[in-house]
C-alpha atoms as a PDB file:
ATOM      1  CA  UNK A   1     106.038 123.111  91.019  1.00  0.00           C
ATOM      2  CA  UNK A   2     107.986 126.842  90.910  1.00  0.00           C
ATOM      3  CA  UNK A   3     107.254 129.317  88.398  1.00  0.00           C
ATOM      4  CA  UNK A   4     109.403 131.961  87.101  1.00  0.00           C
ATOM      5  CA  UNK A   5     107.120 135.419  86.255  1.00  0.00           C
ATOM      6  CA  UNK A   6     108.749 137.508  84.003  1.00  0.00           C
ATOM      7  CA  UNK A   7     107.201 140.836  83.039  1.00  0.00           C
ATOM      8  CA  UNK A   8     108.463 144.704  83.371  1.00  0.00           C
ATOM      9  CA  UNK A   9     105.091 145.254  84.612  1.00  0.00           C
ATOM     10  CA  UNK A  10     104.573 145.260  88.170  1.00  0.00           C
ATOM     11  CA  UNK A  11     101.004 144.687  88.403  1.00  0.00           C
ATOM     12  CA  UNK A  12     101.056 142.082  85.770  1.00  0.00           C
ATOM     13  CA  UNK A  13     103.379 140.093  87.611  1.00  0.00           C
ATOM     14  CA  UNK A  14     100.578 140.754  90.725  1.00  0.00           C
ATOM     15  CA  UNK A  15      97.894 139.721  88.960  1.00  0.00           C
ATOM     16  CA  UNK A  16      99.743 136.630  87.514  1.00  0.00           C
ATOM     17  CA  UNK A  17     101.102 135.519  90.990  1.00  0.00           C
ATOM     18  CA  UNK A  18      97.562 136.003  92.556  1.00  0.00           C
ATOM     19  CA  UNK A  19      95.933 133.675  89.305  1.00  0.00           C
ATOM     20  CA  UNK A  20      98.692 131.322  89.906  1.00  0.00           C
ATOM     21  CA  UNK A  21      97.968 131.238  93.963  1.00  0.00           C
ATOM     22  CA  UNK A  22      94.303 130.956  93.196  1.00  0.00           C
ATOM     23  CA  UNK A  23      95.428 127.719  91.090  1.00  0.00           C
ATOM     24  CA  UNK A  24      97.389 126.004  94.459  1.00  0.00           C
ATOM     25  CA  UNK A  25     100.976 127.203  93.296  1.00  0.00           C
ATOM     26  CA  UNK A  26     102.449 129.467  95.568  1.00  0.00           C
ATOM     27  CA  UNK A  27     106.091 129.068  94.727  1.00  0.00           C
ATOM     28  CA  UNK A  28     106.556 131.473  92.563  1.00  0.00           C
ATOM     29  CA  UNK A  29     109.486 134.002  91.816  1.00  0.00           C
ATOM     30  CA  UNK A  30     109.357 137.383  89.495  1.00  0.00           C
ATOM     31  CA  UNK A  31     111.896 139.065  87.571  1.00  0.00           C
ATOM     32  CA  UNK A  32     111.210 142.550  85.575  1.00  0.00           C
ATOM     33  CA  UNK A  33     113.175 141.530  81.966  1.00  0.00           C
ATOM     34  CA  UNK A  34     115.235 138.561  80.612  1.00  0.00           C
ATOM     35  CA  UNK A  35     118.281 139.636  82.310  1.00  0.00           C
ATOM     36  CA  UNK A  36     117.291 139.849  85.886  1.00  0.00           C
ATOM     37  CA  UNK A  37     115.103 136.351  85.235  1.00  0.00           C
ATOM     38  CA  UNK A  38     118.847 134.628  83.882  1.00  0.00           C
ATOM     39  CA  UNK A  39     120.460 136.279  87.358  1.00  0.00           C
ATOM     40  CA  UNK A  40     117.547 134.418  89.475  1.00  0.00           C
ATOM     41  CA  UNK A  41     117.636 131.168  87.770  1.00  0.00           C
ATOM     42  CA  UNK A  42     120.867 130.450  89.332  1.00  0.00           C
ATOM     43  CA  UNK A  43     119.394 130.520  92.507  1.00  0.00           C
ATOM     44  CA  UNK A  44     115.260 129.556  91.716  1.00  0.00           C
ATOM     45  CA  UNK A  45     115.399 126.560  88.690  1.00  0.00           C
ATOM     46  CA  UNK A  46     111.574 127.002  87.685  1.00  0.00           C
ATOM     47  CA  UNK A  47     109.670 124.110  85.987  1.00  0.00           C
ATOM     48  CA  UNK A  48     107.394 127.092  84.137  1.00  0.00           C
ATOM     49  CA  UNK A  49     108.469 130.552  83.050  1.00  0.00           C
ATOM     50  CA  UNK A  50     105.344 133.228  82.097  1.00  0.00           C
ATOM     51  CA  UNK A  51     107.212 136.010  79.776  1.00  0.00           C
ATOM     52  CA  UNK A  52     106.508 139.015  78.529  1.00  0.00           C
ATOM     53  CA  UNK A  53     107.384 139.746  75.025  1.00  0.00           C
ATOM     54  CA  UNK A  54     108.155 143.330  75.338  1.00  0.00           C
ATOM     55  CA  UNK A  55     110.169 144.437  78.224  1.00  0.00           C
ATOM     56  CA  UNK A  56     113.534 146.403  78.694  1.00  0.00           C
ATOM     57  CA  UNK A  57     116.949 144.937  78.306  1.00  0.00           C
ATOM     58  CA  UNK A  58     116.501 141.881  77.431  1.00  0.00           C
ATOM     59  CA  UNK A  59     113.303 141.148  75.672  1.00  0.00           C
ATOM     60  CA  UNK A  60     111.078 137.956  75.814  1.00  0.00           C
ATOM     61  CA  UNK A  61     112.551 136.736  72.998  1.00  0.00           C
ATOM     62  CA  UNK A  62     116.116 137.110  73.880  1.00  0.00           C
ATOM     63  CA  UNK A  63     115.338 135.958  77.341  1.00  0.00           C
ATOM     64  CA  UNK A  64     114.039 132.623  75.408  1.00  0.00           C
ATOM     65  CA  UNK A  65     116.606 132.014  72.946  1.00  0.00           C
ATOM     66  CA  UNK A  66     119.435 132.550  76.177  1.00  0.00           C
ATOM     67  CA  UNK A  67     117.597 129.488  77.909  1.00  0.00           C
ATOM     68  CA  UNK A  68     117.088 127.296  75.376  1.00  0.00           C
ATOM     69  CA  UNK A  69     120.950 127.567  74.900  1.00  0.00           C
ATOM     70  CA  UNK A  70     122.115 126.341  78.117  1.00  0.00           C
ATOM     71  CA  UNK A  71     121.536 122.433  78.495  1.00  0.00           C
ATOM     72  CA  UNK A  72     120.630 122.834  82.469  1.00  0.00           C
ATOM     73  CA  UNK A  73     117.183 124.836  81.427  1.00  0.00           C
ATOM     74  CA  UNK A  74     116.088 122.505  79.000  1.00  0.00           C
ATOM     75  CA  UNK A  75     113.286 121.147  81.502  1.00  0.00           C
ATOM     76  CA  UNK A  76     112.124 124.547  81.811  1.00  0.00           C
ATOM     77  CA  UNK A  77     108.962 125.511  80.191  1.00  0.00           C
ATOM     78  CA  UNK A  78     108.212 128.849  78.673  1.00  0.00           C
ATOM     79  CA  UNK A  79     105.222 130.247  77.947  1.00  0.00           C
ATOM     80  CA  UNK A  80     104.707 133.950  76.288  1.00  0.00           C
ATOM     81  CA  UNK A  81     102.261 135.741  78.019  1.00  0.00           C
ATOM     82  CA  UNK A  82     101.849 138.893  76.194  1.00  0.00           C
ATOM     83  CA  UNK A  83      99.147 141.684  74.459  1.00  0.00           C
ATOM     84  CA  UNK A  84     101.310 141.118  70.699  1.00  0.00           C
ATOM     85  CA  UNK A  85      98.969 139.067  68.770  1.00  0.00           C
ATOM     86  CA  UNK A  86     100.868 138.807  65.446  1.00  0.00           C
ATOM     87  CA  UNK A  87     101.181 135.892  63.894  1.00  0.00           C
ATOM     88  CA  UNK A  88     104.845 136.370  63.329  1.00  0.00           C
ATOM     89  CA  UNK A  89     105.374 137.141  67.235  1.00  0.00           C
ATOM     90  CA  UNK A  90     103.944 133.529  67.825  1.00  0.00           C
ATOM     91  CA  UNK A  91     105.856 132.222  65.071  1.00  0.00           C
ATOM     92  CA  UNK A  92     109.131 133.808  66.507  1.00  0.00           C
ATOM     93  CA  UNK A  93     108.183 132.788  70.081  1.00  0.00           C
ATOM     94  CA  UNK A  94     107.618 128.743  69.104  1.00  0.00           C
ATOM     95  CA  UNK A  95     110.542 128.863  66.538  1.00  0.00           C
ATOM     96  CA  UNK A  96     112.837 130.002  69.411  1.00  0.00           C
ATOM     97  CA  UNK A  97     111.887 127.369  71.970  1.00  0.00           C
ATOM     98  CA  UNK A  98     108.370 128.482  73.279  1.00  0.00           C
ATOM     99  CA  UNK A  99     106.575 125.959  74.503  1.00  0.00           C
ATOM    100  CA  UNK A 100     103.090 127.679  74.784  1.00  0.00           C
ATOM    101  CA  UNK A 101     101.718 131.161  73.959  1.00  0.00           C
ATOM    102  CA  UNK A 102      98.836 133.066  75.926  1.00  0.00           C
ATOM    103  CA  UNK A 103      97.479 136.201  74.775  1.00  0.00           C
ATOM    104  CA  UNK A 104      96.677 139.103  77.966  1.00  0.00           C
ATOM    105  CA  UNK A 105      94.344 140.012  79.689  1.00  0.00           C
ATOM    106  CA  UNK A 106      94.692 136.050  80.787  1.00  0.00           C
ATOM    107  CA  UNK A 107      92.009 134.446  82.886  1.00  0.00           C
ATOM    108  CA  UNK A 108      92.570 131.682  84.954  1.00  0.00           C
ATOM    109  CA  UNK A 109      90.616 129.287  83.183  1.00  0.00           C
ATOM    110  CA  UNK A 110      92.714 129.431  80.305  1.00  0.00           C
ATOM    111  CA  UNK A 111      96.069 129.989  82.409  1.00  0.00           C
ATOM    112  CA  UNK A 112      94.597 126.607  83.499  1.00  0.00           C
ATOM    113  CA  UNK A 113      94.042 124.931  80.289  1.00  0.00           C
ATOM    114  CA  UNK A 114      97.419 126.083  78.936  1.00  0.00           C
ATOM    115  CA  UNK A 115      99.260 124.357  82.191  1.00  0.00           C
ATOM    116  CA  UNK A 116      97.356 121.061  81.338  1.00  0.00           C
ATOM    117  CA  UNK A 117      98.512 121.473  77.915  1.00  0.00           C
ATOM    118  CA  UNK A 118     101.981 121.459  79.189  1.00  0.00           C
ATOM    119  CA  UNK A 119     101.571 118.645  81.661  1.00  0.00           C
ATOM    120  CA  UNK A 120     102.340 120.388  84.409  1.00  0.00           C
ATOM    121  CA  UNK A 121      98.664 120.193  86.494  1.00  0.00           C
END
């Protein structure tokens, strides 16, 4: 399964990539922000994108909206992975088209549970 990690923190991308590898997912690409991710999706269409909320240039909400506007990405599952805990943020993400929401710090067990909820494991 192809997975795209979209987070401006290099260390968070490394943590998530390592966690995914431990769960058996190794076809993983990385992007520093939403615009970077959209550019990569031309060649690497993921089945799942793990998306941070707060990023420069294009934040998570704008990325979700942009992905949901393109029919060719209808099958891409979008999971917000962020430290934002406001119910308003959760509501906005889900309303925009996110499929799931996870709070940082995230564990392998939580990631595995979320993947099962999305029907991906």
